[in-house]
Amino acid sequence: MNAQEYIASGLLELYVAGTLSEKENQEITEAMQQYEEVRLEVERIEATILQLTAANAPGETNALLPSIKTKAGIVDKDSAPVERSLTWITYTGWAAAIIMAVGMLWIMGQNQSLRQELSAANEESRLLEEQIAKANTDLEAKNNLLALLRDKEMVTVPLAGQAVYPEAYAKVYWDKASESIYLDVAGLPDPPEGKVYQVWSLTLNPLTPTSLGLIDDFTTDENKIFAISNPNASEAFGITLEPAGGSPTPTMEQLYTLGLVEG
């Protein structure tokens, strides 16, 4: 194992507690001598154990660290050998401290996991609330649009498919009072890459086309209904397929739909 694998294994805590076999103790000792991170982690565990043990066995904790260092083969040169043996109280306090330390680490891990789960749940709840709010907004907008299209003052102009694409169809809902149209183009195919639909208002005598704009977001709009300003005295409406950016005049060979305003 490398240094991080030793640290994550839980063996270092058992090493400090003195519950490993002689072979395992030797392996950890060698790892401490090989990896600085492992040695520092053992010392950190020792410091934690000493603090906790002090409450269980006052006066005995000073014997623990030299004993452990002796076992690990890292005794300070200037330190006198440890001659006093550890009492059963020391071992009891030490074992209790190990249990407490491991328990605290487990609880901290559980708390972190719970915090992450709570954060994920809160984020999921936030996203759900946003989806509900958007759905409510979309529903309100659709209801308002539906009521508008059903208004008896609305002029309806069907646009029939032309030679380039006979299956095409569209419909214009013209609100003359607000000088705007609502264009339903669900009957048009998706434009090829590099092409865009352009909407035209037409007067017939003489034939004069006026661009009402491009349908740039045709493929991304779900309901395929677009609100477009139309201050013109329109006698017909048409839709052509043009290069990206549009054209100053309609390309008649790419006329997809056309419809006359009745009356």
C-alpha atoms as a PDB file:
ATOM      1  CA  MET A   1       0.000   0.000   0.000  1.00  0.00           C
ATOM      2  CA  ASN A   2       1.046   3.593  -0.544  1.00  0.00           C
ATOM      3  CA  ALA A   3       0.860   6.308   2.126  1.00  0.00           C
ATOM      4  CA  GLN A   4      -2.720   7.343   1.413  1.00  0.00           C
ATOM      5  CA  GLU A   5      -3.909   3.727   1.377  1.00  0.00           C
ATOM      6  CA  TYR A   6      -2.346   3.160   4.807  1.00  0.00           C
ATOM      7  CA  ILE A   7      -4.014   6.308   6.146  1.00  0.00           C
ATOM      8  CA  ALA A   8      -7.423   5.318   4.769  1.00  0.00           C
ATOM      9  CA  SER A   9      -7.182   1.658   5.850  1.00  0.00           C
ATOM     10  CA  GLY A  10      -7.851   2.161   9.570  1.00  0.00           C
ATOM     11  CA  LEU A  11      -4.740   0.144  10.418  1.00  0.00           C
ATOM     12  CA  LEU A  12      -2.954   3.135  11.904  1.00  0.00           C
ATOM     13  CA  GLU A  13      -5.597   3.547  14.625  1.00  0.00           C
ATOM     14  CA  LEU A  14      -5.314  -0.165  15.456  1.00  0.00           C
ATOM     15  CA  TYR A  15      -1.537   0.155  15.474  1.00  0.00           C
ATOM     16  CA  VAL A  16      -1.700   2.951  18.036  1.00  0.00           C
ATOM     17  CA  ALA A  17      -4.200   0.897  20.049  1.00  0.00           C
ATOM     18  CA  GLY A  18      -1.795  -2.043  20.082  1.00  0.00           C
ATOM     19  CA  THR A  19      -4.273  -4.545  18.630  1.00  0.00           C
ATOM     20  CA  LEU A  20      -2.332  -5.589  15.526  1.00  0.00           C
ATOM     21  CA  SER A  21      -0.271  -8.730  15.155  1.00  0.00           C
ATOM     22  CA  GLU A  22       3.509  -8.594  15.382  1.00  0.00           C
ATOM     23  CA  LYS A  23       3.795  -8.878  11.600  1.00  0.00           C
ATOM     24  CA  GLU A  24       1.275  -6.078  11.075  1.00  0.00           C
ATOM     25  CA  ASN A  25       3.040  -3.893  13.639  1.00  0.00           C
ATOM     26  CA  GLN A  26       6.316  -4.408  11.773  1.00  0.00           C
ATOM     27  CA  GLU A  27       4.631  -3.464   8.489  1.00  0.00           C
ATOM     28  CA  ILE A  28       3.246  -0.224   9.936  1.00  0.00           C
ATOM     29  CA  THR A  29       6.608   0.591  11.532  1.00  0.00           C
ATOM     30  CA  GLU A  30       8.325   0.211   8.169  1.00  0.00           C
ATOM     31  CA  ALA A  31       5.638   2.320   6.506  1.00  0.00           C
ATOM     32  CA  MET A  32       6.199   5.076   9.085  1.00  0.00           C
ATOM     33  CA  GLN A  33       9.913   5.032   8.302  1.00  0.00           C
ATOM     34  CA  GLN A  34       9.240   5.044   4.542  1.00  0.00           C
ATOM     35  CA  TYR A  35       6.399   7.576   4.349  1.00  0.00           C
ATOM     36  CA  GLU A  36       6.483  10.911   6.164  1.00  0.00           C
ATOM     37  CA  GLU A  37       2.680  11.206   5.762  1.00  0.00           C
ATOM     38  CA  VAL A  38       2.121   7.918   7.580  1.00  0.00           C
ATOM     39  CA  ARG A  39       4.390   8.942  10.473  1.00  0.00           C
ATOM     40  CA  LEU A  40       2.620  12.292  10.815  1.00  0.00           C
ATOM     41  CA  GLU A  41      -0.772  10.597  10.748  1.00  0.00           C
ATOM     42  CA  VAL A  42       0.286   8.191  13.509  1.00  0.00           C
ATOM     43  CA  GLU A  43       1.505  11.137  15.585  1.00  0.00           C
ATOM     44  CA  ARG A  44      -1.802  12.922  14.985  1.00  0.00           C
ATOM     45  CA  ILE A  45      -3.708   9.849  16.161  1.00  0.00           C
ATOM     46  CA  GLU A  46      -1.431   9.589  19.193  1.00  0.00           C
ATOM     47  CA  ALA A  47      -2.054  13.226  20.106  1.00  0.00           C
ATOM     48  CA  THR A  48      -5.816  12.714  19.860  1.00  0.00           C
ATOM     49  CA  ILE A  49      -5.650   9.552  21.952  1.00  0.00           C
ATOM     50  CA  LEU A  50      -3.508  11.252  24.583  1.00  0.00           C
ATOM     51  CA  GLN A  51      -5.976  14.102  24.934  1.00  0.00           C
ATOM     52  CA  LEU A  52      -8.915  11.737  25.290  1.00  0.00           C
ATOM     53  CA  THR A  53      -7.071   9.332  27.580  1.00  0.00           C
ATOM     54  CA  ALA A  54      -6.105  12.128  29.944  1.00  0.00           C
ATOM     55  CA  ALA A  55      -9.705  12.272  31.119  1.00  0.00           C
ATOM     56  CA  ASN A  56      -9.802   8.536  31.752  1.00  0.00           C
ATOM     57  CA  ALA A  57      -6.392   7.911  33.263  1.00  0.00           C
ATOM     58  CA  PRO A  58      -4.832  11.120  34.644  1.00  0.00           C
ATOM     59  CA  GLY A  59      -1.118  10.920  35.198  1.00  0.00           C
ATOM     60  CA  GLU A  60      -0.605   7.945  32.907  1.00  0.00           C
ATOM     61  CA  THR A  61      -0.724   9.585  29.496  1.00  0.00           C
ATOM     62  CA  ASN A  62       2.900  10.703  29.580  1.00  0.00           C
ATOM     63  CA  ALA A  63       3.933   7.082  29.410  1.00  0.00           C
ATOM     64  CA  LEU A  64       2.006   6.329  26.276  1.00  0.00           C
ATOM     65  CA  LEU A  65       3.812   8.371  23.652  1.00  0.00           C
ATOM     66  CA  PRO A  66       7.375   7.247  24.557  1.00  0.00           C
ATOM     67  CA  SER A  67       6.147   3.672  24.633  1.00  0.00           C
ATOM     68  CA  ILE A  68       4.636   3.957  21.190  1.00  0.00           C
ATOM     69  CA  LYS A  69       7.702   5.664  19.795  1.00  0.00           C
ATOM     70  CA  THR A  70       9.896   2.958  21.297  1.00  0.00           C
ATOM     71  CA  LYS A  71       7.741   0.325  19.617  1.00  0.00           C
ATOM     72  CA  ALA A  72       8.099   2.180  16.319  1.00  0.00           C
ATOM     73  CA  GLY A  73      11.861   2.504  16.668  1.00  0.00           C
ATOM     74  CA  ILE A  74      11.846   6.312  16.698  1.00  0.00           C
ATOM     75  CA  VAL A  75      12.966   7.057  20.269  1.00  0.00           C
ATOM     76  CA  ASP A  76      14.509  10.514  20.740  1.00  0.00           C
ATOM     77  CA  LYS A  77      18.260  10.235  21.378  1.00  0.00           C
ATOM     78  CA  ASP A  78      18.162  12.557  24.381  1.00  0.00           C
ATOM     79  CA  SER A  79      15.182  10.859  25.978  1.00  0.00           C
ATOM     80  CA  ALA A  80      15.701   8.432  28.781  1.00  0.00           C
ATOM     81  CA  PRO A  81      14.338   4.915  28.263  1.00  0.00           C
ATOM     82  CA  VAL A  82      10.856   4.397  29.527  1.00  0.00           C
ATOM     83  CA  GLU A  83      11.170   2.124  32.541  1.00  0.00           C
ATOM     84  CA  ARG A  84       7.694   2.337  34.072  1.00  0.00           C
ATOM     85  CA  SER A  85       5.219  -0.159  32.768  1.00  0.00           C
ATOM     86  CA  LEU A  86       1.746   0.788  31.758  1.00  0.00           C
ATOM     87  CA  THR A  87      -0.930  -0.022  34.279  1.00  0.00           C
ATOM     88  CA  TRP A  88      -4.257  -1.652  33.421  1.00  0.00           C
ATOM     89  CA  ILE A  89      -5.864   1.746  34.000  1.00  0.00           C
ATOM     90  CA  THR A  90      -3.735   3.167  31.206  1.00  0.00           C
ATOM     91  CA  TYR A  91      -4.720   0.398  28.822  1.00  0.00           C
ATOM     92  CA  THR A  92      -8.380   0.799  29.789  1.00  0.00           C
ATOM     93  CA  GLY A  93      -8.215   4.543  29.167  1.00  0.00           C
ATOM     94  CA  TRP A  94      -6.321   3.993  25.974  1.00  0.00           C
ATOM     95  CA  ALA A  95      -8.879   1.484  24.655  1.00  0.00           C
ATOM     96  CA  ALA A  96     -11.731   3.786  25.621  1.00  0.00           C
ATOM     97  CA  ALA A  97     -10.035   6.652  23.852  1.00  0.00           C
ATOM     98  CA  ILE A  98      -9.582   4.561  20.705  1.00  0.00           C
ATOM     99  CA  ILE A  99     -13.277   3.634  20.753  1.00  0.00           C
ATOM    100  CA  MET A 100     -14.249   7.249  21.328  1.00  0.00           C
ATOM    101  CA  ALA A 101     -11.956   8.503  18.557  1.00  0.00           C
ATOM    102  CA  VAL A 102     -13.184   5.927  16.050  1.00  0.00           C
ATOM    103  CA  GLY A 103     -16.775   6.681  17.061  1.00  0.00           C
ATOM    104  CA  MET A 104     -16.225  10.405  16.615  1.00  0.00           C
ATOM    105  CA  LEU A 105     -14.696   9.854  13.183  1.00  0.00           C
ATOM    106  CA  TRP A 106     -17.637   7.665  12.175  1.00  0.00           C
ATOM    107  CA  ILE A 107     -20.150  10.248  13.418  1.00  0.00           C
ATOM    108  CA  MET A 108     -18.313  13.002  11.549  1.00  0.00           C
ATOM    109  CA  GLY A 109     -18.445  10.888   8.391  1.00  0.00           C
ATOM    110  CA  GLN A 110     -22.151  10.243   8.863  1.00  0.00           C
ATOM    111  CA  ASN A 111     -22.816  13.940   9.452  1.00  0.00           C
ATOM    112  CA  GLN A 112     -20.911  14.838   6.291  1.00  0.00           C
ATOM    113  CA  SER A 113     -22.893  12.249   4.331  1.00  0.00           C
ATOM    114  CA  LEU A 114     -26.162  13.568   5.755  1.00  0.00           C
ATOM    115  CA  ARG A 115     -25.172  17.130   4.895  1.00  0.00           C
ATOM    116  CA  GLN A 116     -24.448  16.086   1.325  1.00  0.00           C
ATOM    117  CA  GLU A 117     -27.765  14.227   1.073  1.00  0.00           C
ATOM    118  CA  LEU A 118     -29.612  17.216   2.544  1.00  0.00           C
ATOM    119  CA  SER A 119     -27.877  19.561   0.099  1.00  0.00           C
ATOM    120  CA  ALA A 120     -28.816  17.281  -2.802  1.00  0.00           C
ATOM    121  CA  ALA A 121     -32.419  17.098  -1.558  1.00  0.00           C
ATOM    122  CA  ASN A 122     -32.588  20.886  -1.238  1.00  0.00           C
ATOM    123  CA  GLU A 123     -31.211  21.310  -4.761  1.00  0.00           C
ATOM    124  CA  GLU A 124     -33.710  18.771  -6.111  1.00  0.00           C
ATOM    125  CA  SER A 125     -36.529  20.587  -4.316  1.00  0.00           C
ATOM    126  CA  ARG A 126     -35.376  23.928  -5.747  1.00  0.00           C
ATOM    127  CA  LEU A 127     -35.276  22.540  -9.282  1.00  0.00           C
ATOM    128  CA  LEU A 128     -38.718  20.999  -8.834  1.00  0.00           C
ATOM    129  CA  GLU A 129     -40.110  24.323  -7.620  1.00  0.00           C
ATOM    130  CA  GLU A 130     -38.596  26.049 -10.656  1.00  0.00           C
ATOM    131  CA  GLN A 131     -40.131  23.449 -12.974  1.00  0.00           C
ATOM    132  CA  ILE A 132     -43.546  23.865 -11.337  1.00  0.00           C
ATOM    133  CA  ALA A 133     -43.299  27.658 -11.558  1.00  0.00           C
ATOM    134  CA  LYS A 134     -42.268  27.427 -15.223  1.00  0.00           C
ATOM    135  CA  ALA A 135     -45.105  25.000 -15.952  1.00  0.00           C
ATOM    136  CA  ASN A 136     -47.593  27.348 -14.299  1.00  0.00           C
ATOM    137  CA  THR A 137     -46.192  30.304 -16.245  1.00  0.00           C
ATOM    138  CA  ASP A 138     -46.277  28.357 -19.516  1.00  0.00           C
ATOM    139  CA  LEU A 139     -49.836  27.214 -18.855  1.00  0.00           C
ATOM    140  CA  GLU A 140     -50.951  30.770 -18.106  1.00  0.00           C
ATOM    141  CA  ALA A 141     -49.256  32.034 -21.266  1.00  0.00           C
ATOM    142  CA  LYS A 142     -50.897  29.316 -23.371  1.00  0.00           C
ATOM    143  CA  ASN A 143     -54.316  30.054 -21.882  1.00  0.00           C
ATOM    144  CA  ASN A 144     -53.866  33.760 -22.580  1.00  0.00           C
ATOM    145  CA  LEU A 145     -52.750  33.030 -26.145  1.00  0.00           C
ATOM    146  CA  LEU A 146     -55.676  30.668 -26.701  1.00  0.00           C
ATOM    147  CA  ALA A 147     -58.145  33.291 -25.474  1.00  0.00           C
ATOM    148  CA  LEU A 148     -56.510  35.868 -27.750  1.00  0.00           C
ATOM    149  CA  LEU A 149     -56.682  33.648 -30.838  1.00  0.00           C
ATOM    150  CA  ARG A 150     -60.362  32.971 -30.185  1.00  0.00           C
ATOM    151  CA  ASP A 151     -61.193  36.667 -30.049  1.00  0.00           C
ATOM    152  CA  LYS A 152     -63.948  37.416 -32.588  1.00  0.00           C
ATOM    153  CA  GLU A 153     -62.057  40.499 -33.794  1.00  0.00           C
ATOM    154  CA  MET A 154     -59.059  38.400 -34.786  1.00  0.00           C
ATOM    155  CA  VAL A 155     -58.574  38.049 -38.576  1.00  0.00           C
ATOM    156  CA  THR A 156     -57.610  34.501 -39.510  1.00  0.00           C
ATOM    157  CA  VAL A 157     -55.583  33.913 -42.683  1.00  0.00           C
ATOM    158  CA  PRO A 158     -54.768  30.305 -43.720  1.00  0.00           C
ATOM    159  CA  LEU A 159     -51.503  29.924 -45.633  1.00  0.00           C
ATOM    160  CA  ALA A 160     -51.442  27.017 -48.081  1.00  0.00           C
ATOM    161  CA  GLY A 161     -48.409  25.006 -49.194  1.00  0.00           C
ATOM    162  CA  GLN A 162     -46.785  25.969 -52.499  1.00  0.00           C
ATOM    163  CA  ALA A 163     -44.934  24.105 -55.252  1.00  0.00           C
ATOM    164  CA  VAL A 164     -41.639  23.777 -53.388  1.00  0.00           C
ATOM    165  CA  TYR A 165     -43.358  21.968 -50.474  1.00  0.00           C
ATOM    166  CA  PRO A 166     -47.080  21.294 -51.104  1.00  0.00           C
ATOM    167  CA  GLU A 167     -47.541  19.595 -47.722  1.00  0.00           C
ATOM    168  CA  ALA A 168     -46.653  22.807 -45.868  1.00  0.00           C
ATOM    169  CA  TYR A 169     -49.274  24.916 -44.137  1.00  0.00           C
ATOM    170  CA  ALA A 170     -49.402  27.810 -41.675  1.00  0.00           C
ATOM    171  CA  LYS A 171     -51.924  30.246 -40.252  1.00  0.00           C
ATOM    172  CA  VAL A 172     -51.847  33.938 -39.442  1.00  0.00           C
ATOM    173  CA  TYR A 173     -53.957  35.451 -36.653  1.00  0.00           C
ATOM    174  CA  TRP A 174     -53.986  39.195 -37.286  1.00  0.00           C
ATOM    175  CA  ASP A 175     -54.873  41.567 -34.465  1.00  0.00           C
ATOM    176  CA  LYS A 176     -55.306  44.838 -36.334  1.00  0.00           C
ATOM    177  CA  ALA A 177     -55.952  46.810 -33.149  1.00  0.00           C
ATOM    178  CA  SER A 178     -52.505  45.990 -31.732  1.00  0.00           C
ATOM    179  CA  GLU A 179     -50.848  45.909 -35.189  1.00  0.00           C
ATOM    180  CA  SER A 180     -49.476  42.433 -34.632  1.00  0.00           C
ATOM    181  CA  ILE A 181     -49.890  38.925 -35.954  1.00  0.00           C
ATOM    182  CA  TYR A 182     -49.613  35.534 -34.298  1.00  0.00           C
ATOM    183  CA  LEU A 183     -48.070  33.124 -36.769  1.00  0.00           C
ATOM    184  CA  ASP A 184     -48.667  29.379 -36.348  1.00  0.00           C
ATOM    185  CA  VAL A 185     -46.052  27.521 -38.385  1.00  0.00           C
ATOM    186  CA  ALA A 186     -46.437  24.010 -36.975  1.00  0.00           C
ATOM    187  CA  GLY A 187     -47.023  22.800 -40.547  1.00  0.00           C
ATOM    188  CA  LEU A 188     -43.568  23.791 -41.782  1.00  0.00           C
ATOM    189  CA  PRO A 189     -40.573  21.414 -41.817  1.00  0.00           C
ATOM    190  CA  ASP A 190     -37.401  22.294 -39.937  1.00  0.00           C
ATOM    191  CA  PRO A 191     -35.247  24.551 -42.125  1.00  0.00           C
ATOM    192  CA  PRO A 192     -31.962  23.117 -43.444  1.00  0.00           C
ATOM    193  CA  GLU A 193     -28.735  24.246 -41.813  1.00  0.00           C
ATOM    194  CA  GLY A 194     -27.782  27.724 -42.975  1.00  0.00           C
ATOM    195  CA  LYS A 195     -31.373  28.566 -43.912  1.00  0.00           C
ATOM    196  CA  VAL A 196     -34.129  30.490 -42.126  1.00  0.00           C
ATOM    197  CA  TYR A 197     -37.813  31.191 -42.666  1.00  0.00           C
ATOM    198  CA  GLN A 198     -38.714  34.796 -43.501  1.00  0.00           C
ATOM    199  CA  VAL A 199     -42.248  36.190 -43.152  1.00  0.00           C
ATOM    200  CA  TRP A 200     -43.688  38.666 -45.643  1.00  0.00           C
ATOM    201  CA  SER A 201     -46.610  41.062 -45.715  1.00  0.00           C
ATOM    202  CA  LEU A 202     -47.867  41.598 -49.270  1.00  0.00           C
ATOM    203  CA  THR A 203     -49.933  44.217 -51.061  1.00  0.00           C
ATOM    204  CA  LEU A 204     -51.170  43.105 -54.466  1.00  0.00           C
ATOM    205  CA  ASN A 205     -51.591  46.136 -56.725  1.00  0.00           C
ATOM    206  CA  PRO A 206     -48.764  46.544 -57.368  1.00  0.00           C
ATOM    207  CA  LEU A 207     -47.259  43.441 -55.765  1.00  0.00           C
ATOM    208  CA  THR A 208     -45.139  44.787 -52.925  1.00  0.00           C
ATOM    209  CA  PRO A 209     -43.505  42.535 -50.317  1.00  0.00           C
ATOM    210  CA  THR A 210     -42.559  43.878 -46.885  1.00  0.00           C
ATOM    211  CA  SER A 211     -40.430  41.732 -44.594  1.00  0.00           C
ATOM    212  CA  LEU A 212     -41.938  41.093 -41.155  1.00  0.00           C
ATOM    213  CA  GLY A 213     -38.783  39.397 -39.919  1.00  0.00           C
ATOM    214  CA  LEU A 214     -37.068  36.045 -39.551  1.00  0.00           C
ATOM    215  CA  ILE A 215     -38.101  33.010 -37.525  1.00  0.00           C
ATOM    216  CA  ASP A 216     -34.618  32.393 -36.100  1.00  0.00           C
ATOM    217  CA  ASP A 217     -35.728  30.176 -33.217  1.00  0.00           C
ATOM    218  CA  PHE A 218     -38.012  27.940 -35.269  1.00  0.00           C
ATOM    219  CA  THR A 219     -36.356  24.662 -34.212  1.00  0.00           C
ATOM    220  CA  THR A 220     -36.135  25.514 -30.500  1.00  0.00           C
ATOM    221  CA  ASP A 221     -39.664  26.866 -30.042  1.00  0.00           C
ATOM    222  CA  GLU A 222     -41.997  24.085 -28.907  1.00  0.00           C
ATOM    223  CA  ASN A 223     -45.429  25.445 -29.827  1.00  0.00           C
ATOM    224  CA  LYS A 224     -44.291  27.037 -33.129  1.00  0.00           C
ATOM    225  CA  ILE A 225     -46.427  30.156 -32.565  1.00  0.00           C
ATOM    226  CA  PHE A 226     -44.657  33.488 -32.986  1.00  0.00           C
ATOM    227  CA  ALA A 227     -45.815  37.033 -32.215  1.00  0.00           C
ATOM    228  CA  ILE A 228     -44.723  39.482 -34.937  1.00  0.00           C
ATOM    229  CA  SER A 229     -45.332  43.195 -35.340  1.00  0.00           C
ATOM    230  CA  ASN A 230     -47.339  44.120 -38.475  1.00  0.00           C
ATOM    231  CA  PRO A 231     -48.239  47.781 -38.948  1.00  0.00           C
ATOM    232  CA  ASN A 232     -48.899  47.185 -42.658  1.00  0.00           C
ATOM    233  CA  ALA A 233     -52.164  47.192 -44.625  1.00  0.00           C
ATOM    234  CA  SER A 234     -51.566  43.576 -45.598  1.00  0.00           C
ATOM    235  CA  GLU A 235     -53.529  41.911 -48.402  1.00  0.00           C
ATOM    236  CA  ALA A 236     -51.645  38.617 -48.194  1.00  0.00           C
ATOM    237  CA  PHE A 237     -48.984  36.853 -46.182  1.00  0.00           C
ATOM    238  CA  GLY A 238     -46.216  34.554 -47.355  1.00  0.00           C
ATOM    239  CA  ILE A 239     -43.306  32.582 -45.911  1.00  0.00           C
ATOM    240  CA  THR A 240     -40.110  31.862 -47.831  1.00  0.00           C
ATOM    241  CA  LEU A 241     -36.957  29.954 -47.042  1.00  0.00           C
ATOM    242  CA  GLU A 242     -33.943  32.272 -47.193  1.00  0.00           C
ATOM    243  CA  PRO A 243     -30.209  32.171 -46.458  1.00  0.00           C
ATOM    244  CA  ALA A 244     -29.272  32.864 -42.834  1.00  0.00           C
ATOM    245  CA  GLY A 245     -29.679  36.569 -42.188  1.00  0.00           C
ATOM    246  CA  GLY A 246     -32.634  36.895 -44.566  1.00  0.00           C
ATOM    247  CA  SER A 247     -33.122  38.555 -47.950  1.00  0.00           C
ATOM    248  CA  PRO A 248     -34.242  42.042 -49.015  1.00  0.00           C
ATOM    249  CA  THR A 249     -36.839  40.488 -51.347  1.00  0.00           C
ATOM    250  CA  PRO A 250     -38.519  37.074 -51.199  1.00  0.00           C
ATOM    251  CA  THR A 251     -36.978  34.153 -53.092  1.00  0.00           C
ATOM    252  CA  MET A 252     -40.085  33.025 -54.980  1.00  0.00           C
ATOM    253  CA  GLU A 253     -38.569  29.627 -55.851  1.00  0.00           C
ATOM    254  CA  GLN A 254     -38.479  28.990 -52.082  1.00  0.00           C
ATOM    255  CA  LEU A 255     -42.037  30.183 -51.315  1.00  0.00           C
ATOM    256  CA  TYR A 256     -43.365  27.628 -48.831  1.00  0.00           C
ATOM    257  CA  THR A 257     -46.783  29.074 -47.925  1.00  0.00           C
ATOM    258  CA  LEU A 258     -49.063  31.872 -49.176  1.00  0.00           C
ATOM    259  CA  GLY A 259     -52.504  33.106 -48.141  1.00  0.00           C
ATOM    260  CA  LEU A 260     -54.816  36.009 -49.047  1.00  0.00           C
ATOM    261  CA  VAL A 261     -56.605  38.186 -46.513  1.00  0.00           C
ATOM    262  CA  GLU A 262     -60.331  37.823 -47.203  1.00  0.00           C
ATOM    263  CA  GLY A 263     -62.606  40.849 -47.429  1.00  0.00           C
END
